Structure formats: C-alpha cells, structure tokens
Amino acid sequence: MANCPYCKKPVHIDAARSEAPESRRVKKEVFGWLKKEIMYSCPHCDAVLGFGSYFGGFLTGRPK
C-alpha cells in the first residue's frame, strides 16, 4: 500500500482491481479523444500525484 506524499494517508493505486474502500482509491481523471491525458490525485487531500498520457485511446478504448 502506498501513502500520499502530501497528507501521508494510505492510498491504493489500482482502483479497478483494488478491494480497498472507495475512500482510499486514487482518483483518476481522463481527458481526450485520440490522445488520452490522465491525472491522478489523492482521495483525501486532492493533491495531484501524477500525470500520464496514452496515444491511441480512441482506437483501443484504453484507458477507461
């Protein structure tokens, strides 16, 4: 289990497969049509934990 570097509370990275309560799952916001931009944030303090991008999102349907 990981901890938020800002508020030090426990968080679970993989929300889709995690059996952790909703209050501990990292928030994931996805934007874009062809190139997906992803922002991950802490569920407790809403601090941004990281960014990601994925090219080809429309063609493959990922990430969701």
N, C-alpha and C. Protein backbone atom coordinates (compact mmCIF):
# COMPACT_ATOMS: atom_id res chain seq x y z
N MET A 1 0.85 -1.17 0.00
CA MET A 1 0.00 0.00 0.00
C MET A 1 0.90 1.24 0.00
N ALA A 2 0.51 2.24 -0.73
CA ALA A 2 1.27 3.49 -0.83
C ALA A 2 0.65 4.56 0.07
N ASN A 3 1.43 5.57 0.37
CA ASN A 3 0.95 6.72 1.14
C ASN A 3 1.07 7.97 0.29
N CYS A 4 0.13 8.87 0.44
CA CYS A 4 0.19 10.16 -0.25
C CYS A 4 1.41 10.92 0.29
N PRO A 5 2.25 11.50 -0.58
CA PRO A 5 3.42 12.23 -0.10
C PRO A 5 3.07 13.55 0.58
N TYR A 6 1.85 14.01 0.43
CA TYR A 6 1.44 15.30 1.00
C TYR A 6 0.75 15.15 2.34
N CYS A 7 -0.28 14.32 2.41
CA CYS A 7 -1.02 14.17 3.66
C CYS A 7 -0.65 12.91 4.44
N LYS A 8 0.16 12.03 3.84
CA LYS A 8 0.68 10.80 4.47
C LYS A 8 -0.38 9.76 4.78
N LYS A 9 -1.56 9.88 4.19
CA LYS A 9 -2.62 8.89 4.41
C LYS A 9 -2.50 7.79 3.36
N PRO A 10 -2.95 6.56 3.66
CA PRO A 10 -2.80 5.44 2.73
C PRO A 10 -3.73 5.59 1.52
N VAL A 11 -3.20 5.22 0.36
CA VAL A 11 -3.98 5.21 -0.88
C VAL A 11 -3.67 3.94 -1.66
N HIS A 12 -4.61 3.51 -2.49
CA HIS A 12 -4.43 2.37 -3.37
C HIS A 12 -4.37 2.88 -4.80
N ILE A 13 -3.34 2.46 -5.53
CA ILE A 13 -3.10 2.96 -6.88
C ILE A 13 -4.10 2.40 -7.88
N ASP A 14 -4.27 1.09 -7.93
CA ASP A 14 -5.11 0.46 -8.94
C ASP A 14 -6.54 0.35 -8.45
N ALA A 15 -7.35 1.35 -8.75
CA ALA A 15 -8.73 1.40 -8.25
C ALA A 15 -9.61 0.32 -8.87
N ALA A 16 -9.33 -0.08 -10.09
CA ALA A 16 -10.18 -1.06 -10.78
C ALA A 16 -10.07 -2.44 -10.14
N ARG A 17 -8.88 -2.82 -9.70
CA ARG A 17 -8.67 -4.16 -9.14
C ARG A 17 -8.60 -4.18 -7.62
N SER A 18 -8.58 -3.03 -7.03
CA SER A 18 -8.40 -2.94 -5.59
C SER A 18 -9.68 -3.27 -4.84
N GLU A 19 -9.51 -3.95 -3.72
CA GLU A 19 -10.65 -4.24 -2.84
C GLU A 19 -10.70 -3.23 -1.71
N ALA A 20 -9.90 -2.19 -1.80
CA ALA A 20 -9.87 -1.15 -0.77
C ALA A 20 -11.16 -0.34 -0.82
N PRO A 21 -11.53 0.26 0.29
CA PRO A 21 -12.72 1.11 0.28
C PRO A 21 -12.55 2.30 -0.66
N GLU A 22 -13.63 2.80 -1.15
CA GLU A 22 -13.63 3.92 -2.10
C GLU A 22 -12.85 5.12 -1.57
N SER A 23 -12.85 5.31 -0.28
CA SER A 23 -12.19 6.47 0.31
C SER A 23 -10.66 6.42 0.19
N ARG A 24 -10.09 5.27 -0.15
CA ARG A 24 -8.64 5.14 -0.27
C ARG A 24 -8.17 5.03 -1.71
N ARG A 25 -9.05 4.99 -2.67
CA ARG A 25 -8.67 4.80 -4.07
C ARG A 25 -8.24 6.11 -4.70
N VAL A 26 -7.13 6.07 -5.39
CA VAL A 26 -6.60 7.24 -6.09
C VAL A 26 -7.60 7.67 -7.15
N LYS A 27 -7.90 8.97 -7.22
CA LYS A 27 -8.82 9.49 -8.22
C LYS A 27 -8.10 9.56 -9.56
N LYS A 28 -8.80 9.20 -10.62
CA LYS A 28 -8.23 9.18 -11.96
C LYS A 28 -9.17 9.92 -12.90
N GLU A 29 -8.67 10.99 -13.49
CA GLU A 29 -9.46 11.76 -14.44
C GLU A 29 -8.83 11.62 -15.82
N VAL A 30 -9.64 11.25 -16.81
CA VAL A 30 -9.15 11.02 -18.17
C VAL A 30 -9.79 12.04 -19.11
N PHE A 31 -8.93 12.68 -19.90
CA PHE A 31 -9.39 13.66 -20.87
C PHE A 31 -8.83 13.31 -22.24
N GLY A 32 -9.55 13.64 -23.26
CA GLY A 32 -9.04 13.47 -24.62
C GLY A 32 -9.79 12.43 -25.41
N TRP A 33 -9.58 12.49 -26.71
CA TRP A 33 -10.27 11.58 -27.62
C TRP A 33 -9.27 10.62 -28.26
N LEU A 34 -8.29 11.12 -28.96
CA LEU A 34 -7.28 10.27 -29.57
C LEU A 34 -6.08 10.11 -28.64
N LYS A 35 -5.61 11.21 -28.10
CA LYS A 35 -4.53 11.17 -27.12
C LYS A 35 -5.15 11.39 -25.74
N LYS A 36 -5.07 10.38 -24.90
CA LYS A 36 -5.66 10.45 -23.58
C LYS A 36 -4.67 11.07 -22.60
N GLU A 37 -5.11 12.04 -21.86
CA GLU A 37 -4.33 12.65 -20.79
C GLU A 37 -4.97 12.22 -19.48
N ILE A 38 -4.16 11.75 -18.54
CA ILE A 38 -4.66 11.21 -17.29
C ILE A 38 -4.03 11.97 -16.13
N MET A 39 -4.86 12.32 -15.14
CA MET A 39 -4.36 12.97 -13.94
C MET A 39 -4.78 12.13 -12.73
N TYR A 40 -3.83 11.82 -11.87
CA TYR A 40 -4.09 11.06 -10.66
C TYR A 40 -4.01 11.99 -9.47
N SER A 41 -4.97 11.88 -8.54
CA SER A 41 -4.97 12.74 -7.36
C SER A 41 -5.34 11.94 -6.11
N CYS A 42 -4.93 12.48 -4.97
CA CYS A 42 -5.18 11.85 -3.68
C CYS A 42 -6.66 11.96 -3.32
N PRO A 43 -7.29 10.89 -2.83
CA PRO A 43 -8.70 10.95 -2.44
C PRO A 43 -8.93 11.73 -1.14
N HIS A 44 -7.88 11.96 -0.36
CA HIS A 44 -8.02 12.63 0.92
C HIS A 44 -7.81 14.15 0.82
N CYS A 45 -6.69 14.55 0.19
CA CYS A 45 -6.35 15.97 0.17
C CYS A 45 -6.44 16.58 -1.23
N ASP A 46 -6.79 15.80 -2.23
CA ASP A 46 -6.93 16.23 -3.62
C ASP A 46 -5.64 16.78 -4.24
N ALA A 47 -4.50 16.46 -3.67
CA ALA A 47 -3.21 16.86 -4.25
C ALA A 47 -2.95 16.01 -5.50
N VAL A 48 -2.35 16.62 -6.50
CA VAL A 48 -2.03 15.90 -7.73
C VAL A 48 -0.84 14.98 -7.46
N LEU A 49 -1.02 13.68 -7.77
CA LEU A 49 0.02 12.70 -7.55
C LEU A 49 0.83 12.42 -8.80
N GLY A 50 0.25 12.66 -9.96
CA GLY A 50 0.99 12.40 -11.19
C GLY A 50 0.12 12.56 -12.42
N PHE A 51 0.80 12.50 -13.57
CA PHE A 51 0.14 12.62 -14.86
C PHE A 51 0.58 11.46 -15.74
N GLY A 52 -0.22 11.16 -16.71
CA GLY A 52 0.11 10.14 -17.70
C GLY A 52 -0.53 10.49 -19.02
N SER A 53 -0.07 9.85 -20.07
CA SER A 53 -0.69 10.05 -21.38
C SER A 53 -0.66 8.74 -22.14
N TYR A 54 -1.59 8.59 -23.04
CA TYR A 54 -1.71 7.38 -23.82
C TYR A 54 -2.19 7.77 -25.20
N PHE A 55 -1.42 7.43 -26.23
CA PHE A 55 -1.81 7.74 -27.61
C PHE A 55 -2.55 6.55 -28.19
N GLY A 56 -3.65 6.80 -28.87
CA GLY A 56 -4.43 5.73 -29.47
C GLY A 56 -5.61 5.31 -28.64
N GLY A 57 -6.02 6.16 -27.71
CA GLY A 57 -7.12 5.82 -26.82
C GLY A 57 -8.42 5.52 -27.53
N PHE A 58 -8.73 6.25 -28.59
CA PHE A 58 -9.98 6.02 -29.32
C PHE A 58 -9.96 4.66 -30.01
N LEU A 59 -8.82 4.29 -30.55
CA LEU A 59 -8.72 3.04 -31.29
C LEU A 59 -8.76 1.80 -30.40
N THR A 60 -8.17 1.90 -29.23
CA THR A 60 -8.09 0.74 -28.35
C THR A 60 -9.10 0.76 -27.21
N GLY A 61 -9.66 1.93 -26.93
CA GLY A 61 -10.62 2.04 -25.83
C GLY A 61 -9.97 2.13 -24.47
N ARG A 62 -8.64 2.31 -24.43
CA ARG A 62 -7.94 2.40 -23.16
C ARG A 62 -7.38 3.78 -22.99
N PRO A 63 -7.08 4.22 -21.83
CA PRO A 63 -7.57 3.71 -20.55
C PRO A 63 -9.00 4.15 -20.32
N LYS A 64 -9.68 3.48 -19.43
CA LYS A 64 -11.07 3.79 -19.16
C LYS A 64 -11.19 4.57 -17.90
